[in-house]
Amino acid sequence: MALEKLSADEARQAQPQQSPISAPEPWLGPGSVESGPWTRRELFGYVLWGSIALVILVFECVAAFDGDSTPWPTLSSTAGNLQEDHHWTGLVILGGLSALAARIVFFPWPNRRSEG
């Protein structure tokens, strides 16, 4: 694969992109300071995952605070019972939580407009 050489004009026109999780740097242009409007996909994602989180939160709170009369256990007790029977599941659960935490912390990095 051959590398293409950029002309001086093309090199000057190239604008660096900034990560949305870093501090705004106005010299990179308006995209650095303003994130722009939400796309339909972003809005749908927030509604979908927010609804799922709300349903899980309600069932978890009911099971945690009224555990004697609910027929289901909390997720944490289910995970604990699973780890007692199969020790390797702890690694899978920890890996999943780590991947989820990294995704949440770095969302929507690296580029919010890449999927637009």
C-alpha atoms as a PDB file:
ATOM      1  CA  MET A   1       0.000   0.000   0.000  1.00  0.00           C
ATOM      2  CA  ALA A   2       1.505   3.294  -1.087  1.00  0.00           C
ATOM      3  CA  LEU A   3       1.403   6.319   1.178  1.00  0.00           C
ATOM      4  CA  GLU A   4      -0.056   9.447  -0.352  1.00  0.00           C
ATOM      5  CA  LYS A   5       1.726  12.759   0.085  1.00  0.00           C
ATOM      6  CA  LEU A   6      -0.397  15.722   1.028  1.00  0.00           C
ATOM      7  CA  SER A   7       0.143  19.062  -0.600  1.00  0.00           C
ATOM      8  CA  ALA A   8       0.812  22.073   1.624  1.00  0.00           C
ATOM      9  CA  ASP A   9      -2.752  23.356   1.038  1.00  0.00           C
ATOM     10  CA  GLU A  10      -4.294  20.008   1.993  1.00  0.00           C
ATOM     11  CA  ALA A  11      -2.170  19.825   5.113  1.00  0.00           C
ATOM     12  CA  ARG A  12      -3.277  23.312   6.197  1.00  0.00           C
ATOM     13  CA  GLN A  13      -6.951  22.437   5.624  1.00  0.00           C
ATOM     14  CA  ALA A  14      -6.845  19.362   7.845  1.00  0.00           C
ATOM     15  CA  GLN A  15      -8.558  20.113  11.136  1.00  0.00           C
ATOM     16  CA  PRO A  16      -7.659  18.075  14.200  1.00  0.00           C
ATOM     17  CA  GLN A  17     -10.521  16.454  16.085  1.00  0.00           C
ATOM     18  CA  GLN A  18     -10.842  16.694  19.842  1.00  0.00           C
ATOM     19  CA  SER A  19     -12.233  14.042  22.121  1.00  0.00           C
ATOM     20  CA  PRO A  20     -15.573  15.121  23.642  1.00  0.00           C
ATOM     21  CA  ILE A  21     -14.419  13.986  27.085  1.00  0.00           C
ATOM     22  CA  SER A  22     -11.536  16.467  27.234  1.00  0.00           C
ATOM     23  CA  ALA A  23     -11.763  20.136  28.124  1.00  0.00           C
ATOM     24  CA  PRO A  24     -13.031  22.455  25.360  1.00  0.00           C
ATOM     25  CA  GLU A  25     -10.268  24.018  23.304  1.00  0.00           C
ATOM     26  CA  PRO A  26     -11.686  26.906  21.242  1.00  0.00           C
ATOM     27  CA  TRP A  27      -8.716  27.057  18.843  1.00  0.00           C
ATOM     28  CA  LEU A  28      -9.880  23.707  17.406  1.00  0.00           C
ATOM     29  CA  GLY A  29     -13.080  25.330  16.161  1.00  0.00           C
ATOM     30  CA  PRO A  30     -16.738  25.350  17.184  1.00  0.00           C
ATOM     31  CA  GLY A  31     -16.912  21.538  17.231  1.00  0.00           C
ATOM     32  CA  SER A  32     -14.615  21.580  20.234  1.00  0.00           C
ATOM     33  CA  VAL A  33     -16.844  23.835  22.304  1.00  0.00           C
ATOM     34  CA  GLU A  34     -20.327  22.841  21.135  1.00  0.00           C
ATOM     35  CA  SER A  35     -21.355  19.216  20.812  1.00  0.00           C
ATOM     36  CA  GLY A  36     -24.206  19.872  18.406  1.00  0.00           C
ATOM     37  CA  PRO A  37     -27.738  18.459  18.414  1.00  0.00           C
ATOM     38  CA  TRP A  38     -28.496  14.859  19.349  1.00  0.00           C
ATOM     39  CA  THR A  39     -29.076  12.441  16.534  1.00  0.00           C
ATOM     40  CA  ARG A  40     -32.156  10.208  16.422  1.00  0.00           C
ATOM     41  CA  ARG A  41     -29.936   7.230  17.163  1.00  0.00           C
ATOM     42  CA  GLU A  42     -28.540   8.862  20.323  1.00  0.00           C
ATOM     43  CA  LEU A  43     -32.003   9.811  21.537  1.00  0.00           C
ATOM     44  CA  PHE A  44     -33.300   6.297  20.854  1.00  0.00           C
ATOM     45  CA  GLY A  45     -30.347   4.836  22.759  1.00  0.00           C
ATOM     46  CA  TYR A  46     -30.944   7.024  25.796  1.00  0.00           C
ATOM     47  CA  VAL A  47     -34.671   6.170  25.822  1.00  0.00           C
ATOM     48  CA  LEU A  48     -34.084   2.429  25.322  1.00  0.00           C
ATOM     49  CA  TRP A  49     -31.299   1.968  27.870  1.00  0.00           C
ATOM     50  CA  GLY A  50     -32.890   4.381  30.329  1.00  0.00           C
ATOM     51  CA  SER A  51     -36.125   2.377  30.202  1.00  0.00           C
ATOM     52  CA  ILE A  52     -34.264  -0.895  30.728  1.00  0.00           C
ATOM     53  CA  ALA A  53     -32.326   0.588  33.650  1.00  0.00           C
ATOM     54  CA  LEU A  54     -35.555   1.885  35.205  1.00  0.00           C
ATOM     55  CA  VAL A  55     -37.261  -1.526  34.992  1.00  0.00           C
ATOM     56  CA  ILE A  56     -34.232  -3.265  36.522  1.00  0.00           C
ATOM     57  CA  LEU A  57     -33.984  -0.618  39.253  1.00  0.00           C
ATOM     58  CA  VAL A  58     -37.660  -1.027  40.209  1.00  0.00           C
ATOM     59  CA  PHE A  59     -37.425  -4.829  40.429  1.00  0.00           C
ATOM     60  CA  GLU A  60     -34.129  -4.648  42.341  1.00  0.00           C
ATOM     61  CA  CYS A  61     -35.525  -2.169  44.878  1.00  0.00           C
ATOM     62  CA  VAL A  62     -38.689  -4.215  45.409  1.00  0.00           C
ATOM     63  CA  ALA A  63     -36.665  -7.412  45.918  1.00  0.00           C
ATOM     64  CA  ALA A  64     -34.141  -5.697  48.202  1.00  0.00           C
ATOM     65  CA  PHE A  65     -36.584  -3.860  50.463  1.00  0.00           C
ATOM     66  CA  ASP A  66     -39.422  -6.405  50.480  1.00  0.00           C
ATOM     67  CA  GLY A  67     -37.454  -9.607  49.963  1.00  0.00           C
ATOM     68  CA  ASP A  68     -39.678 -11.824  52.111  1.00  0.00           C
ATOM     69  CA  SER A  69     -42.779 -11.433  49.956  1.00  0.00           C
ATOM     70  CA  THR A  70     -41.191 -11.214  46.484  1.00  0.00           C
ATOM     71  CA  PRO A  71     -40.781 -14.409  44.478  1.00  0.00           C
ATOM     72  CA  TRP A  72     -37.537 -13.272  42.798  1.00  0.00           C
ATOM     73  CA  PRO A  73     -34.054 -12.660  44.217  1.00  0.00           C
ATOM     74  CA  THR A  74     -31.914  -9.582  43.580  1.00  0.00           C
ATOM     75  CA  LEU A  75     -29.307  -9.685  40.816  1.00  0.00           C
ATOM     76  CA  SER A  76     -26.486  -9.535  43.347  1.00  0.00           C
ATOM     77  CA  SER A  77     -27.759 -12.580  45.255  1.00  0.00           C
ATOM     78  CA  THR A  78     -28.241 -14.451  41.973  1.00  0.00           C
ATOM     79  CA  ALA A  79     -24.674 -13.635  40.926  1.00  0.00           C
ATOM     80  CA  GLY A  80     -23.392 -14.666  44.362  1.00  0.00           C
ATOM     81  CA  ASN A  81     -25.213 -18.006  44.232  1.00  0.00           C
ATOM     82  CA  LEU A  82     -23.912 -18.628  40.728  1.00  0.00           C
ATOM     83  CA  GLN A  83     -20.341 -17.930  41.840  1.00  0.00           C
ATOM     84  CA  GLU A  84     -20.704 -20.378  44.750  1.00  0.00           C
ATOM     85  CA  ASP A  85     -21.612 -23.147  42.307  1.00  0.00           C
ATOM     86  CA  HIS A  86     -19.241 -22.180  39.475  1.00  0.00           C
ATOM     87  CA  HIS A  87     -16.179 -20.156  40.492  1.00  0.00           C
ATOM     88  CA  TRP A  88     -15.253 -19.191  36.921  1.00  0.00           C
ATOM     89  CA  THR A  89     -18.432 -17.116  36.528  1.00  0.00           C
ATOM     90  CA  GLY A  90     -16.906 -14.456  38.784  1.00  0.00           C
ATOM     91  CA  LEU A  91     -14.349 -13.699  36.089  1.00  0.00           C
ATOM     92  CA  VAL A  92     -17.065 -13.366  33.435  1.00  0.00           C
ATOM     93  CA  ILE A  93     -19.168 -11.085  35.645  1.00  0.00           C
ATOM     94  CA  LEU A  94     -16.184  -8.897  36.537  1.00  0.00           C
ATOM     95  CA  GLY A  95     -15.118  -8.674  32.880  1.00  0.00           C
ATOM     96  CA  GLY A  96     -18.632  -7.672  31.831  1.00  0.00           C
ATOM     97  CA  LEU A  97     -18.872  -5.007  34.500  1.00  0.00           C
ATOM     98  CA  SER A  98     -15.430  -3.654  33.565  1.00  0.00           C
ATOM     99  CA  ALA A  99     -16.351  -3.453  29.868  1.00  0.00           C
ATOM    100  CA  LEU A 100     -19.645  -1.746  30.736  1.00  0.00           C
ATOM    101  CA  ALA A 101     -17.916   0.768  33.010  1.00  0.00           C
ATOM    102  CA  ALA A 102     -15.322   1.595  30.341  1.00  0.00           C
ATOM    103  CA  ARG A 103     -18.040   2.085  27.731  1.00  0.00           C
ATOM    104  CA  ILE A 104     -20.015   4.386  30.025  1.00  0.00           C
ATOM    105  CA  VAL A 105     -16.978   6.433  31.048  1.00  0.00           C
ATOM    106  CA  PHE A 106     -15.703   6.974  27.503  1.00  0.00           C
ATOM    107  CA  PHE A 107     -19.055   7.415  25.718  1.00  0.00           C
ATOM    108  CA  PRO A 108     -19.281   8.759  22.936  1.00  0.00           C
ATOM    109  CA  TRP A 109     -15.544   8.898  22.366  1.00  0.00           C
ATOM    110  CA  PRO A 110     -13.684   8.771  19.986  1.00  0.00           C
ATOM    111  CA  ASN A 111     -15.934  10.665  17.608  1.00  0.00           C
ATOM    112  CA  ARG A 112     -19.559  11.536  18.145  1.00  0.00           C
ATOM    113  CA  ARG A 113     -20.220  12.234  14.457  1.00  0.00           C
ATOM    114  CA  SER A 114     -18.542   9.120  13.018  1.00  0.00           C
ATOM    115  CA  GLU A 115     -21.784   7.150  12.735  1.00  0.00           C
ATOM    116  CA  GLY A 116     -23.933  10.095  11.625  1.00  0.00           C
END
